[in-house]
Amino acid sequence: MIAPFRAVAHPWLCDVMGHLTTRYYMAMFDDASYHALNAVFGWSGSDAEATGTGFVDVRHELDYEAEVRAGDLLEINARLERLGGKSVTLVYDMMIIGRDQRAARMTAVSVCFDTQARQAVSLPADWRARAERLLQANAQD
């Protein structure tokens, strides 16, 4: 697992019922995805402008498992699930620190994207090699 992101469920992120509202789950998972893509490929958001290569999300599946309340400390861990020719599938677990309980799980498919041509492209060879090493290490654990 990659431990890419930590957050706090601040009161202003909660809805009228006192728990983290849906829009902020997605914001936290989105922030975590930048850290995960960096850990997997060495990519950062600034690389999209510098190299013209980035990622677009094409699918999200989100399961809510436990209530997140104001003041909860959260950690989002990511795991590389699948590596395609142009795409990557990552699974993110949002854990409530202190309760050791999973609050939510999101499975996301992201596609390597040419920011100039505005189309999907193959993952660069060096990114693929780095991700394959990570998949092999995960398989040995």
N, C-alpha and C. Protein backbone atom coordinates (compact mmCIF):
# COMPACT_ATOMS: atom_id res chain seq x y z
N MET A 1 0.83 -1.19 0.00
CA MET A 1 0.00 0.00 0.00
C MET A 1 0.88 1.25 0.00
N ILE A 2 0.41 2.24 -0.69
CA ILE A 2 1.04 3.55 -0.71
C ILE A 2 0.23 4.42 0.25
N ALA A 3 0.88 5.08 1.19
CA ALA A 3 0.18 5.97 2.11
C ALA A 3 0.37 7.41 1.64
N PRO A 4 -0.47 7.83 0.70
CA PRO A 4 -0.16 9.10 0.05
C PRO A 4 -0.77 10.35 0.67
N PHE A 5 -1.75 10.25 1.53
CA PHE A 5 -2.49 11.46 1.88
C PHE A 5 -3.11 11.36 3.27
N ARG A 6 -2.99 12.45 4.03
CA ARG A 6 -3.66 12.56 5.33
C ARG A 6 -4.50 13.81 5.37
N ALA A 7 -5.62 13.75 6.10
CA ALA A 7 -6.54 14.88 6.15
C ALA A 7 -7.27 14.89 7.49
N VAL A 8 -7.97 15.98 7.73
CA VAL A 8 -8.83 16.14 8.90
C VAL A 8 -10.24 16.42 8.41
N ALA A 9 -11.22 15.78 9.01
CA ALA A 9 -12.62 16.08 8.70
C ALA A 9 -13.03 17.29 9.54
N HIS A 10 -12.75 18.46 9.01
CA HIS A 10 -13.09 19.71 9.71
C HIS A 10 -14.60 19.89 9.74
N PRO A 11 -15.12 20.58 10.75
CA PRO A 11 -16.58 20.80 10.84
C PRO A 11 -17.17 21.44 9.58
N TRP A 12 -16.43 22.34 8.94
CA TRP A 12 -16.97 23.01 7.75
C TRP A 12 -17.01 22.10 6.52
N LEU A 13 -16.46 20.88 6.63
CA LEU A 13 -16.55 19.90 5.55
C LEU A 13 -17.72 18.94 5.74
N CYS A 14 -18.45 19.13 6.85
CA CYS A 14 -19.53 18.23 7.19
C CYS A 14 -20.88 18.83 6.82
N ASP A 15 -21.85 17.96 6.60
CA ASP A 15 -23.18 18.41 6.21
C ASP A 15 -24.06 18.66 7.44
N VAL A 16 -25.33 18.91 7.20
CA VAL A 16 -26.25 19.25 8.29
C VAL A 16 -26.47 18.09 9.26
N MET A 17 -26.06 16.88 8.87
CA MET A 17 -26.21 15.73 9.76
C MET A 17 -24.95 15.46 10.56
N GLY A 18 -23.90 16.28 10.33
CA GLY A 18 -22.69 16.18 11.12
C GLY A 18 -21.64 15.22 10.61
N HIS A 19 -21.81 14.73 9.39
CA HIS A 19 -20.76 13.87 8.85
C HIS A 19 -20.22 14.41 7.53
N LEU A 20 -19.01 13.96 7.20
CA LEU A 20 -18.33 14.41 5.99
C LEU A 20 -19.27 14.27 4.80
N THR A 21 -19.41 15.36 4.05
CA THR A 21 -20.33 15.33 2.92
C THR A 21 -19.63 14.78 1.67
N THR A 22 -20.41 14.25 0.77
CA THR A 22 -19.90 13.54 -0.39
C THR A 22 -18.88 14.34 -1.19
N ARG A 23 -19.12 15.63 -1.39
CA ARG A 23 -18.21 16.42 -2.22
C ARG A 23 -16.79 16.42 -1.66
N TYR A 24 -16.66 16.31 -0.33
CA TYR A 24 -15.32 16.37 0.26
C TYR A 24 -14.64 15.01 0.29
N TYR A 25 -15.41 13.92 0.28
CA TYR A 25 -14.79 12.62 0.05
C TYR A 25 -14.05 12.67 -1.29
N MET A 26 -14.76 13.12 -2.31
CA MET A 26 -14.16 13.15 -3.65
C MET A 26 -12.96 14.08 -3.71
N ALA A 27 -13.04 15.22 -3.02
CA ALA A 27 -11.90 16.15 -3.02
C ALA A 27 -10.68 15.49 -2.37
N MET A 28 -10.90 14.79 -1.27
CA MET A 28 -9.78 14.13 -0.59
C MET A 28 -9.21 13.00 -1.44
N PHE A 29 -10.09 12.20 -2.06
CA PHE A 29 -9.60 11.15 -2.95
C PHE A 29 -8.85 11.75 -4.15
N ASP A 30 -9.33 12.85 -4.67
CA ASP A 30 -8.66 13.50 -5.80
C ASP A 30 -7.27 13.99 -5.39
N ASP A 31 -7.16 14.62 -4.23
CA ASP A 31 -5.84 15.04 -3.74
C ASP A 31 -4.92 13.84 -3.56
N ALA A 32 -5.46 12.77 -3.01
CA ALA A 32 -4.66 11.55 -2.80
C ALA A 32 -4.18 10.97 -4.12
N SER A 33 -4.97 11.15 -5.19
CA SER A 33 -4.58 10.57 -6.48
C SER A 33 -3.29 11.21 -7.01
N TYR A 34 -3.08 12.49 -6.75
CA TYR A 34 -1.83 13.12 -7.19
C TYR A 34 -0.63 12.49 -6.49
N HIS A 35 -0.78 12.23 -5.20
CA HIS A 35 0.30 11.59 -4.45
C HIS A 35 0.53 10.16 -4.94
N ALA A 36 -0.56 9.44 -5.21
CA ALA A 36 -0.44 8.06 -5.67
C ALA A 36 0.21 7.99 -7.05
N LEU A 37 -0.21 8.87 -7.96
CA LEU A 37 0.38 8.87 -9.30
C LEU A 37 1.86 9.23 -9.25
N ASN A 38 2.23 10.06 -8.29
CA ASN A 38 3.64 10.38 -8.10
C ASN A 38 4.39 9.15 -7.60
N ALA A 39 3.81 8.44 -6.63
CA ALA A 39 4.47 7.26 -6.07
C ALA A 39 4.60 6.15 -7.12
N VAL A 40 3.59 6.00 -7.98
CA VAL A 40 3.61 4.94 -8.98
C VAL A 40 4.49 5.29 -10.18
N PHE A 41 4.34 6.51 -10.69
CA PHE A 41 5.01 6.87 -11.95
C PHE A 41 6.11 7.93 -11.81
N GLY A 42 6.18 8.60 -10.65
CA GLY A 42 7.10 9.71 -10.51
C GLY A 42 6.54 10.99 -11.11
N TRP A 43 5.25 11.00 -11.45
CA TRP A 43 4.58 12.12 -12.10
C TRP A 43 4.04 13.09 -11.06
N SER A 44 4.06 14.37 -11.40
CA SER A 44 3.40 15.37 -10.56
C SER A 44 2.57 16.27 -11.46
N GLY A 45 1.65 16.99 -10.87
CA GLY A 45 0.78 17.86 -11.65
C GLY A 45 1.53 18.88 -12.48
N SER A 46 2.66 19.36 -11.97
CA SER A 46 3.45 20.33 -12.74
C SER A 46 4.06 19.70 -13.98
N ASP A 47 4.21 18.38 -13.99
CA ASP A 47 4.72 17.69 -15.18
C ASP A 47 3.75 17.80 -16.35
N ALA A 48 2.45 17.92 -16.06
CA ALA A 48 1.47 18.01 -17.14
C ALA A 48 1.75 19.24 -18.00
N GLU A 49 2.09 20.34 -17.36
CA GLU A 49 2.39 21.56 -18.11
C GLU A 49 3.76 21.46 -18.78
N ALA A 50 4.74 20.93 -18.05
CA ALA A 50 6.11 20.88 -18.58
C ALA A 50 6.28 19.88 -19.71
N THR A 51 5.61 18.72 -19.62
CA THR A 51 5.82 17.66 -20.61
C THR A 51 4.63 17.44 -21.54
N GLY A 52 3.48 18.01 -21.18
CA GLY A 52 2.28 17.81 -21.99
C GLY A 52 1.63 16.46 -21.77
N THR A 53 2.02 15.76 -20.71
CA THR A 53 1.45 14.45 -20.40
C THR A 53 0.88 14.46 -18.99
N GLY A 54 -0.35 14.03 -18.88
CA GLY A 54 -1.00 13.98 -17.58
C GLY A 54 -1.94 12.79 -17.49
N PHE A 55 -2.95 12.93 -16.66
CA PHE A 55 -3.92 11.85 -16.46
C PHE A 55 -5.32 12.44 -16.41
N VAL A 56 -6.28 11.69 -16.91
CA VAL A 56 -7.69 12.01 -16.75
C VAL A 56 -8.38 10.80 -16.14
N ASP A 57 -9.29 11.07 -15.24
CA ASP A 57 -10.07 10.00 -14.63
C ASP A 57 -11.24 9.67 -15.54
N VAL A 58 -11.46 8.38 -15.75
CA VAL A 58 -12.55 7.95 -16.62
C VAL A 58 -13.59 7.11 -15.88
N ARG A 59 -13.24 6.67 -14.65
CA ARG A 59 -14.20 5.87 -13.90
C ARG A 59 -13.88 5.96 -12.42
N HIS A 60 -14.94 6.11 -11.61
CA HIS A 60 -14.83 6.04 -10.15
C HIS A 60 -15.92 5.13 -9.62
N GLU A 61 -15.56 4.28 -8.71
CA GLU A 61 -16.54 3.47 -7.97
C GLU A 61 -16.25 3.70 -6.50
N LEU A 62 -17.23 4.19 -5.76
CA LEU A 62 -17.01 4.60 -4.38
C LEU A 62 -18.00 3.90 -3.46
N ASP A 63 -17.46 3.23 -2.44
CA ASP A 63 -18.27 2.57 -1.43
C ASP A 63 -18.03 3.25 -0.09
N TYR A 64 -19.11 3.68 0.55
CA TYR A 64 -19.04 4.29 1.88
C TYR A 64 -19.27 3.20 2.90
N GLU A 65 -18.38 3.08 3.88
CA GLU A 65 -18.46 1.97 4.82
C GLU A 65 -18.66 2.39 6.27
N ALA A 66 -18.17 3.55 6.66
CA ALA A 66 -18.32 4.01 8.04
C ALA A 66 -18.44 5.53 8.03
N GLU A 67 -19.17 6.04 8.98
CA GLU A 67 -19.40 7.47 9.06
C GLU A 67 -18.13 8.21 9.48
N VAL A 68 -17.83 9.30 8.78
CA VAL A 68 -16.73 10.20 9.14
C VAL A 68 -17.35 11.43 9.77
N ARG A 69 -16.96 11.71 11.00
CA ARG A 69 -17.52 12.84 11.74
C ARG A 69 -16.48 13.93 11.90
N ALA A 70 -16.95 15.12 12.18
CA ALA A 70 -16.06 16.26 12.39
C ALA A 70 -15.00 15.91 13.42
N GLY A 71 -13.77 16.22 13.11
CA GLY A 71 -12.64 15.95 13.99
C GLY A 71 -11.92 14.66 13.71
N ASP A 72 -12.52 13.76 12.91
CA ASP A 72 -11.84 12.51 12.58
C ASP A 72 -10.58 12.79 11.77
N LEU A 73 -9.53 12.06 12.09
CA LEU A 73 -8.28 12.10 11.33
C LEU A 73 -8.33 10.99 10.30
N LEU A 74 -7.95 11.31 9.07
CA LEU A 74 -8.09 10.37 7.97
C LEU A 74 -6.75 10.14 7.28
N GLU A 75 -6.59 8.92 6.80
CA GLU A 75 -5.44 8.58 5.97
C GLU A 75 -5.96 7.81 4.77
N ILE A 76 -5.54 8.24 3.59
CA ILE A 76 -5.93 7.54 2.38
C ILE A 76 -4.72 6.80 1.83
N ASN A 77 -4.85 5.48 1.78
CA ASN A 77 -3.81 4.60 1.25
C ASN A 77 -4.22 4.17 -0.15
N ALA A 78 -3.26 4.02 -1.02
CA ALA A 78 -3.54 3.61 -2.40
C ALA A 78 -2.79 2.32 -2.72
N ARG A 79 -3.38 1.57 -3.62
CA ARG A 79 -2.76 0.33 -4.10
C ARG A 79 -2.93 0.28 -5.61
N LEU A 80 -1.85 -0.01 -6.30
CA LEU A 80 -1.90 -0.20 -7.75
C LEU A 80 -2.56 -1.54 -8.03
N GLU A 81 -3.69 -1.52 -8.68
CA GLU A 81 -4.47 -2.73 -8.94
C GLU A 81 -4.19 -3.32 -10.33
N ARG A 82 -4.09 -2.43 -11.32
CA ARG A 82 -3.95 -2.89 -12.70
C ARG A 82 -3.21 -1.85 -13.53
N LEU A 83 -2.41 -2.33 -14.44
CA LEU A 83 -1.67 -1.47 -15.36
C LEU A 83 -2.03 -1.88 -16.78
N GLY A 84 -2.64 -0.96 -17.52
CA GLY A 84 -3.01 -1.23 -18.91
C GLY A 84 -2.04 -0.55 -19.85
N GLY A 85 -2.37 -0.55 -21.12
CA GLY A 85 -1.52 0.10 -22.12
C GLY A 85 -1.55 1.62 -21.99
N LYS A 86 -2.73 2.16 -21.72
CA LYS A 86 -2.91 3.59 -21.55
C LYS A 86 -3.47 3.96 -20.19
N SER A 87 -3.91 2.97 -19.45
CA SER A 87 -4.63 3.26 -18.21
C SER A 87 -4.00 2.60 -16.99
N VAL A 88 -4.44 3.08 -15.86
CA VAL A 88 -4.02 2.53 -14.57
C VAL A 88 -5.25 2.47 -13.66
N THR A 89 -5.36 1.40 -12.90
CA THR A 89 -6.44 1.28 -11.92
C THR A 89 -5.81 1.30 -10.54
N LEU A 90 -6.28 2.23 -9.72
CA LEU A 90 -5.82 2.36 -8.34
C LEU A 90 -6.99 2.19 -7.40
N VAL A 91 -6.73 1.55 -6.28
CA VAL A 91 -7.75 1.39 -5.23
C VAL A 91 -7.30 2.21 -4.04
N TYR A 92 -8.19 3.06 -3.56
CA TYR A 92 -7.90 3.96 -2.44
C TYR A 92 -8.77 3.57 -1.25
N ASP A 93 -8.13 3.42 -0.09
CA ASP A 93 -8.86 3.18 1.15
C ASP A 93 -8.71 4.38 2.06
N MET A 94 -9.85 4.98 2.44
CA MET A 94 -9.86 6.07 3.40
C MET A 94 -10.06 5.44 4.78
N MET A 95 -9.03 5.56 5.62
CA MET A 95 -9.07 4.98 6.96
C MET A 95 -9.26 6.07 7.99
N ILE A 96 -10.04 5.75 9.02
CA ILE A 96 -10.22 6.67 10.14
C ILE A 96 -9.15 6.31 11.17
N ILE A 97 -8.18 7.20 11.33
CA ILE A 97 -7.09 6.96 12.27
C ILE A 97 -7.66 6.99 13.69
N GLY A 98 -7.21 6.10 14.51
CA GLY A 98 -7.69 6.02 15.88
C GLY A 98 -8.78 4.98 16.05
N ARG A 99 -9.60 4.81 15.02
CA ARG A 99 -10.63 3.77 15.06
C ARG A 99 -10.20 2.56 14.25
N ASP A 100 -9.11 2.73 13.46
CA ASP A 100 -8.64 1.66 12.58
C ASP A 100 -9.81 1.06 11.80
N GLN A 101 -10.58 1.95 11.19
CA GLN A 101 -11.78 1.55 10.47
C GLN A 101 -11.76 2.19 9.09
N ARG A 102 -12.15 1.40 8.08
CA ARG A 102 -12.22 1.97 6.74
C ARG A 102 -13.52 2.74 6.60
N ALA A 103 -13.40 4.01 6.21
CA ALA A 103 -14.56 4.86 6.01
C ALA A 103 -15.12 4.69 4.59
N ALA A 104 -14.21 4.56 3.61
CA ALA A 104 -14.65 4.46 2.23
C ALA A 104 -13.55 3.83 1.39
N ARG A 105 -13.98 3.24 0.28
CA ARG A 105 -13.04 2.68 -0.69
C ARG A 105 -13.45 3.20 -2.07
N MET A 106 -12.46 3.72 -2.80
CA MET A 106 -12.71 4.17 -4.16
C MET A 106 -11.78 3.42 -5.11
N THR A 107 -12.36 2.89 -6.17
CA THR A 107 -11.59 2.32 -7.26
C THR A 107 -11.66 3.32 -8.41
N ALA A 108 -10.50 3.70 -8.92
CA ALA A 108 -10.43 4.72 -9.97
C ALA A 108 -9.62 4.22 -11.14
N VAL A 109 -10.12 4.48 -12.33
CA VAL A 109 -9.38 4.21 -13.56
C VAL A 109 -8.98 5.57 -14.13
N SER A 110 -7.68 5.73 -14.33
CA SER A 110 -7.14 6.96 -14.90
C SER A 110 -6.40 6.62 -16.19
N VAL A 111 -6.50 7.51 -17.15
CA VAL A 111 -5.90 7.29 -18.47
C VAL A 111 -4.81 8.32 -18.70
N CYS A 112 -3.69 7.86 -19.23
CA CYS A 112 -2.60 8.76 -19.60
C CYS A 112 -3.09 9.63 -20.75
N PHE A 113 -2.80 10.93 -20.66
CA PHE A 113 -3.47 11.90 -21.52
C PHE A 113 -2.48 12.91 -22.07
N ASP A 114 -2.52 13.14 -23.37
CA ASP A 114 -1.73 14.18 -24.02
C ASP A 114 -2.51 15.48 -23.89
N THR A 115 -1.96 16.42 -23.14
CA THR A 115 -2.69 17.66 -22.84
C THR A 115 -2.79 18.60 -24.05
N GLN A 116 -1.94 18.40 -25.06
CA GLN A 116 -2.02 19.22 -26.27
C GLN A 116 -3.03 18.64 -27.27
N ALA A 117 -2.88 17.35 -27.56
CA ALA A 117 -3.76 16.68 -28.52
C ALA A 117 -5.13 16.38 -27.91
N ARG A 118 -5.23 16.43 -26.57
CA ARG A 118 -6.47 16.16 -25.84
C ARG A 118 -6.99 14.76 -26.14
N GLN A 119 -6.07 13.76 -26.02
CA GLN A 119 -6.45 12.38 -26.26
C GLN A 119 -5.59 11.44 -25.43
N ALA A 120 -6.10 10.24 -25.26
CA ALA A 120 -5.37 9.21 -24.53
C ALA A 120 -4.13 8.80 -25.31
N VAL A 121 -3.06 8.51 -24.56
CA VAL A 121 -1.81 8.04 -25.15
C VAL A 121 -1.27 6.88 -24.33
N SER A 122 -0.37 6.13 -24.91
CA SER A 122 0.25 5.01 -24.19
C SER A 122 1.09 5.55 -23.04
N LEU A 123 1.14 4.76 -21.97
CA LEU A 123 2.01 5.12 -20.86
C LEU A 123 3.46 5.10 -21.33
N PRO A 124 4.25 6.12 -21.01
CA PRO A 124 5.67 6.12 -21.39
C PRO A 124 6.39 4.90 -20.82
N ALA A 125 7.37 4.41 -21.54
CA ALA A 125 8.08 3.19 -21.18
C ALA A 125 8.70 3.26 -19.78
N ASP A 126 9.29 4.40 -19.42
CA ASP A 126 9.91 4.51 -18.10
C ASP A 126 8.86 4.50 -16.99
N TRP A 127 7.69 5.08 -17.23
CA TRP A 127 6.61 5.04 -16.25
C TRP A 127 6.11 3.61 -16.07
N ARG A 128 5.96 2.92 -17.22
CA ARG A 128 5.47 1.54 -17.19
C ARG A 128 6.45 0.65 -16.41
N ALA A 129 7.75 0.81 -16.66
CA ALA A 129 8.76 0.00 -15.98
C ALA A 129 8.70 0.25 -14.47
N ARG A 130 8.57 1.49 -14.08
CA ARG A 130 8.48 1.82 -12.65
C ARG A 130 7.23 1.19 -12.01
N ALA A 131 6.10 1.29 -12.70
CA ALA A 131 4.85 0.72 -12.18
C ALA A 131 4.91 -0.80 -12.13
N GLU A 132 5.52 -1.42 -13.13
CA GLU A 132 5.65 -2.88 -13.13
C GLU A 132 6.48 -3.36 -11.95
N ARG A 133 7.54 -2.62 -11.61
CA ARG A 133 8.34 -2.98 -10.43
C ARG A 133 7.47 -2.92 -9.16
N LEU A 134 6.62 -1.92 -9.08
CA LEU A 134 5.73 -1.79 -7.93
C LEU A 134 4.72 -2.93 -7.88
N LEU A 135 4.18 -3.31 -9.02
CA LEU A 135 3.26 -4.45 -9.07
C LEU A 135 3.94 -5.74 -8.64
N GLN A 136 5.20 -5.94 -9.08
CA GLN A 136 5.95 -7.14 -8.70
C GLN A 136 6.22 -7.16 -7.20
N ALA A 137 6.58 -6.01 -6.63
CA ALA A 137 6.82 -5.92 -5.19
C ALA A 137 5.54 -6.21 -4.42
N ASN A 138 4.41 -5.72 -4.91
CA ASN A 138 3.12 -5.99 -4.26
C ASN A 138 2.78 -7.47 -4.30
N ALA A 139 3.11 -8.13 -5.41
CA ALA A 139 2.81 -9.55 -5.55
C ALA A 139 3.63 -10.40 -4.59
N GLN A 140 4.82 -9.92 -4.24
CA GLN A 140 5.69 -10.66 -3.33
C GLN A 140 5.29 -10.49 -1.86
N ASP A 141 4.54 -9.43 -1.58
CA ASP A 141 4.12 -9.16 -0.17
C ASP A 141 2.98 -10.04 0.26
